C-alpha atoms as a PDB file:
ATOM      1  CA  MET A   1      -3.423  16.727  -4.964  1.00  0.00           C
ATOM      2  CA  VAL A   2      -0.899  14.297  -2.227  1.00  0.00           C
ATOM      3  CA  LYS A   3       2.581  14.425  -3.875  1.00  0.00           C
ATOM      4  CA  THR A   4       4.570  10.963  -3.591  1.00  0.00           C
ATOM      5  CA  SER A   5       2.111   7.532  -3.344  1.00  0.00           C
ATOM      6  CA  VAL A   6       3.910   4.634  -1.770  1.00  0.00           C
ATOM      7  CA  VAL A   7       1.251   1.606  -3.261  1.00  0.00           C
ATOM      8  CA  ILE A   8       2.301  -1.638  -1.858  1.00  0.00           C
ATOM      9  CA  LEU A   9      -0.104  -4.671  -3.414  1.00  0.00           C
ATOM     10  CA  ASN A  10      -0.736  -7.347  -1.207  1.00  0.00           C
ATOM     11  CA  TRP A  11      -2.560 -10.694  -2.513  1.00  0.00           C
ATOM     12  CA  ASN A  12      -2.728 -12.888   0.754  1.00  0.00           C
ATOM     13  CA  GLY A  13      -0.484 -10.858   2.940  1.00  0.00           C
ATOM     14  CA  LYS A  14      -2.301 -10.304   5.594  1.00  0.00           C
ATOM     15  CA  LYS A  15      -0.099 -11.571   7.991  1.00  0.00           C
ATOM     16  CA  LEU A  16       3.181  -9.158   6.554  1.00  0.00           C
ATOM     17  CA  LEU A  17       0.559  -6.650   6.393  1.00  0.00           C
ATOM     18  CA  GLU A  18       0.281  -7.179  10.271  1.00  0.00           C
ATOM     19  CA  GLN A  19       3.819  -7.482  10.377  1.00  0.00           C
ATOM     20  CA  PHE A  20       5.531  -5.001   8.133  1.00  0.00           C
ATOM     21  CA  LEU A  21       2.424  -1.652   7.671  1.00  0.00           C
ATOM     22  CA  PRO A  22       3.142  -0.014  10.878  1.00  0.00           C
ATOM     23  CA  SER A  23       6.711   0.719  10.054  1.00  0.00           C
ATOM     24  CA  VAL A  24       5.858   1.962   6.829  1.00  0.00           C
ATOM     25  CA  LEU A  25       2.798   4.846   8.597  1.00  0.00           C
ATOM     26  CA  ALA A  26       4.752   5.504  11.070  1.00  0.00           C
ATOM     27  CA  HIS A  27       8.065   6.649   8.095  1.00  0.00           C
ATOM     28  CA  SER A  28       5.550   8.507   6.373  1.00  0.00           C
ATOM     29  CA  TRP A  29       4.657  11.952   6.477  1.00  0.00           C
ATOM     30  CA  SER A  30       0.516  12.040   4.753  1.00  0.00           C
ATOM     31  CA  ASP A  31       0.564  15.722   4.157  1.00  0.00           C
ATOM     32  CA  VAL A  32       3.281  15.284   0.991  1.00  0.00           C
ATOM     33  CA  CYS A  33       2.729  10.915   0.468  1.00  0.00           C
ATOM     34  CA  ASN A  34       0.086   9.088   0.873  1.00  0.00           C
ATOM     35  CA  VAL A  35       0.368   5.170   1.336  1.00  0.00           C
ATOM     36  CA  VAL A  36      -1.836   3.045  -0.398  1.00  0.00           C
ATOM     37  CA  VAL A  37      -3.061  -0.790  -0.987  1.00  0.00           C
ATOM     38  CA  ALA A  38      -4.106  -2.962  -3.725  1.00  0.00           C
ATOM     39  CA  ASP A  39      -5.150  -5.973  -2.739  1.00  0.00           C
ATOM     40  CA  ASN A  40      -4.860  -8.907  -5.909  1.00  0.00           C
ATOM     41  CA  GLY A  41      -7.727 -10.233  -5.416  1.00  0.00           C
ATOM     42  CA  SER A  42      -6.947 -11.714  -1.487  1.00  0.00           C
ATOM     43  CA  THR A  43      -8.621 -14.668   0.258  1.00  0.00           C
ATOM     44  CA  ASP A  44      -6.975 -14.263   3.425  1.00  0.00           C
ATOM     45  CA  ASN A  45      -9.300 -11.581   4.844  1.00  0.00           C
ATOM     46  CA  SER A  46      -6.478  -9.020   4.434  1.00  0.00           C
ATOM     47  CA  VAL A  47      -9.289  -6.670   2.540  1.00  0.00           C
ATOM     48  CA  GLU A  48     -11.343  -6.594   6.327  1.00  0.00           C
ATOM     49  CA  PHE A  49      -7.652  -6.692   8.464  1.00  0.00           C
ATOM     50  CA  LEU A  50      -6.823  -2.954   6.981  1.00  0.00           C
ATOM     51  CA  LYS A  51     -10.590  -1.730   6.620  1.00  0.00           C
ATOM     52  CA  ALA A  52     -10.880  -3.069  10.564  1.00  0.00           C
ATOM     53  CA  ASN A  53      -7.389  -1.046  12.027  1.00  0.00           C
ATOM     54  CA  TYR A  54      -6.466   0.769   8.881  1.00  0.00           C
ATOM     55  CA  PRO A  55      -9.208   2.142   7.264  1.00  0.00           C
ATOM     56  CA  ALA A  56      -8.353   5.639   6.643  1.00  0.00           C
ATOM     57  CA  VAL A  57      -5.667   3.546   4.404  1.00  0.00           C
ATOM     58  CA  PRO A  58      -7.082   4.677   0.600  1.00  0.00           C
ATOM     59  CA  LEU A  59      -7.574   0.555  -0.560  1.00  0.00           C
ATOM     60  CA  ILE A  60      -7.645  -0.456  -3.919  1.00  0.00           C
ATOM     61  CA  ILE A  61      -9.643  -3.862  -4.673  1.00  0.00           C
ATOM     62  CA  PHE A  62      -9.256  -6.436  -7.296  1.00  0.00           C
ATOM     63  CA  ASP A  63     -12.241  -8.522  -8.320  1.00  0.00           C
ATOM     64  CA  LYS A  64      -8.690 -11.137  -9.163  1.00  0.00           C
ATOM     65  CA  ASN A  65      -5.235 -11.455  -9.222  1.00  0.00           C
ATOM     66  CA  TYR A  66      -3.460  -9.642 -12.152  1.00  0.00           C
ATOM     67  CA  GLY A  67       0.267 -10.507 -10.335  1.00  0.00           C
ATOM     68  CA  PHE A  68       2.887  -8.339  -9.865  1.00  0.00           C
ATOM     69  CA  ALA A  69       3.107  -6.475 -13.367  1.00  0.00           C
ATOM     70  CA  ASP A  70      -0.391  -5.391 -14.050  1.00  0.00           C
ATOM     71  CA  GLY A  71      -1.261  -5.420 -10.443  1.00  0.00           C
ATOM     72  CA  TYR A  72       1.030  -2.036  -9.512  1.00  0.00           C
ATOM     73  CA  ASN A  73       0.124  -0.627 -13.647  1.00  0.00           C
ATOM     74  CA  LYS A  74      -3.660  -0.831 -12.214  1.00  0.00           C
ATOM     75  CA  ALA A  75      -3.191   0.077  -9.137  1.00  0.00           C
ATOM     76  CA  ILE A  76      -0.427   2.898 -10.512  1.00  0.00           C
ATOM     77  CA  GLN A  77      -3.032   4.237 -12.634  1.00  0.00           C
ATOM     78  CA  GLN A  78      -5.451   4.620 -10.309  1.00  0.00           C
ATOM     79  CA  THR A  79      -3.384   7.440  -8.064  1.00  0.00           C
ATOM     80  CA  ASP A  80      -3.297  10.894  -7.786  1.00  0.00           C
ATOM     81  CA  SER A  81      -0.185  11.129  -7.064  1.00  0.00           C
ATOM     82  CA  GLU A  82       3.433  12.749  -9.296  1.00  0.00           C
ATOM     83  CA  TYR A  83       5.388  10.811  -7.840  1.00  0.00           C
ATOM     84  CA  VAL A  84       4.238   6.414  -7.305  1.00  0.00           C
ATOM     85  CA  VAL A  85       6.916   4.736  -4.968  1.00  0.00           C
ATOM     86  CA  LEU A  86       6.291   0.731  -4.952  1.00  0.00           C
ATOM     87  CA  LEU A  87       7.165  -0.410  -2.056  1.00  0.00           C
ATOM     88  CA  ASN A  88       6.697  -4.628  -1.898  1.00  0.00           C
ATOM     89  CA  SER A  89       4.016  -6.532   1.625  1.00  0.00           C
ATOM     90  CA  ASP A  90       8.058  -7.857   3.357  1.00  0.00           C
ATOM     91  CA  VAL A  91       9.104  -3.834   2.914  1.00  0.00           C
ATOM     92  CA  GLU A  92      10.345  -2.532   6.620  1.00  0.00           C
ATOM     93  CA  THR A  93      10.611   0.673   7.124  1.00  0.00           C
ATOM     94  CA  THR A  94      13.156   2.496   9.624  1.00  0.00           C
ATOM     95  CA  GLU A  95      13.300   6.655  10.566  1.00  0.00           C
ATOM     96  CA  ASP A  96      15.808   7.052   7.439  1.00  0.00           C
ATOM     97  CA  THR A  97      14.330   5.721   4.501  1.00  0.00           C
ATOM     98  CA  ARG A  98      11.126   8.366   5.604  1.00  0.00           C
ATOM     99  CA  ILE A  99       9.333   9.089   2.641  1.00  0.00           C
ATOM    100  CA  GLN A 100       9.646  12.906   2.539  1.00  0.00           C
ATOM    101  CA  ARG A 101       9.184  14.297  -1.214  1.00  0.00           C
END
């Protein structure tokens, strides 16, 4: 079991994922932290982009947009971690925000 999951809720945010997901992955230690993208029924090719460019990133795909709170709650229910960090898709992380435990 991974100790911490960082869950990013996405809805038609392909451009945001292109811009900010690389920094999140670079500053998350994969042995203790799992970055997960939960797609809230996007229609902008976000899912295809993630599958093609980040195949190792776990992807939760919802059949429709459940909104902010319900989307995150549904995603949390599908994680198997002791801790969950909810991160907006427009957040750029830096070395100082390294998620370790």
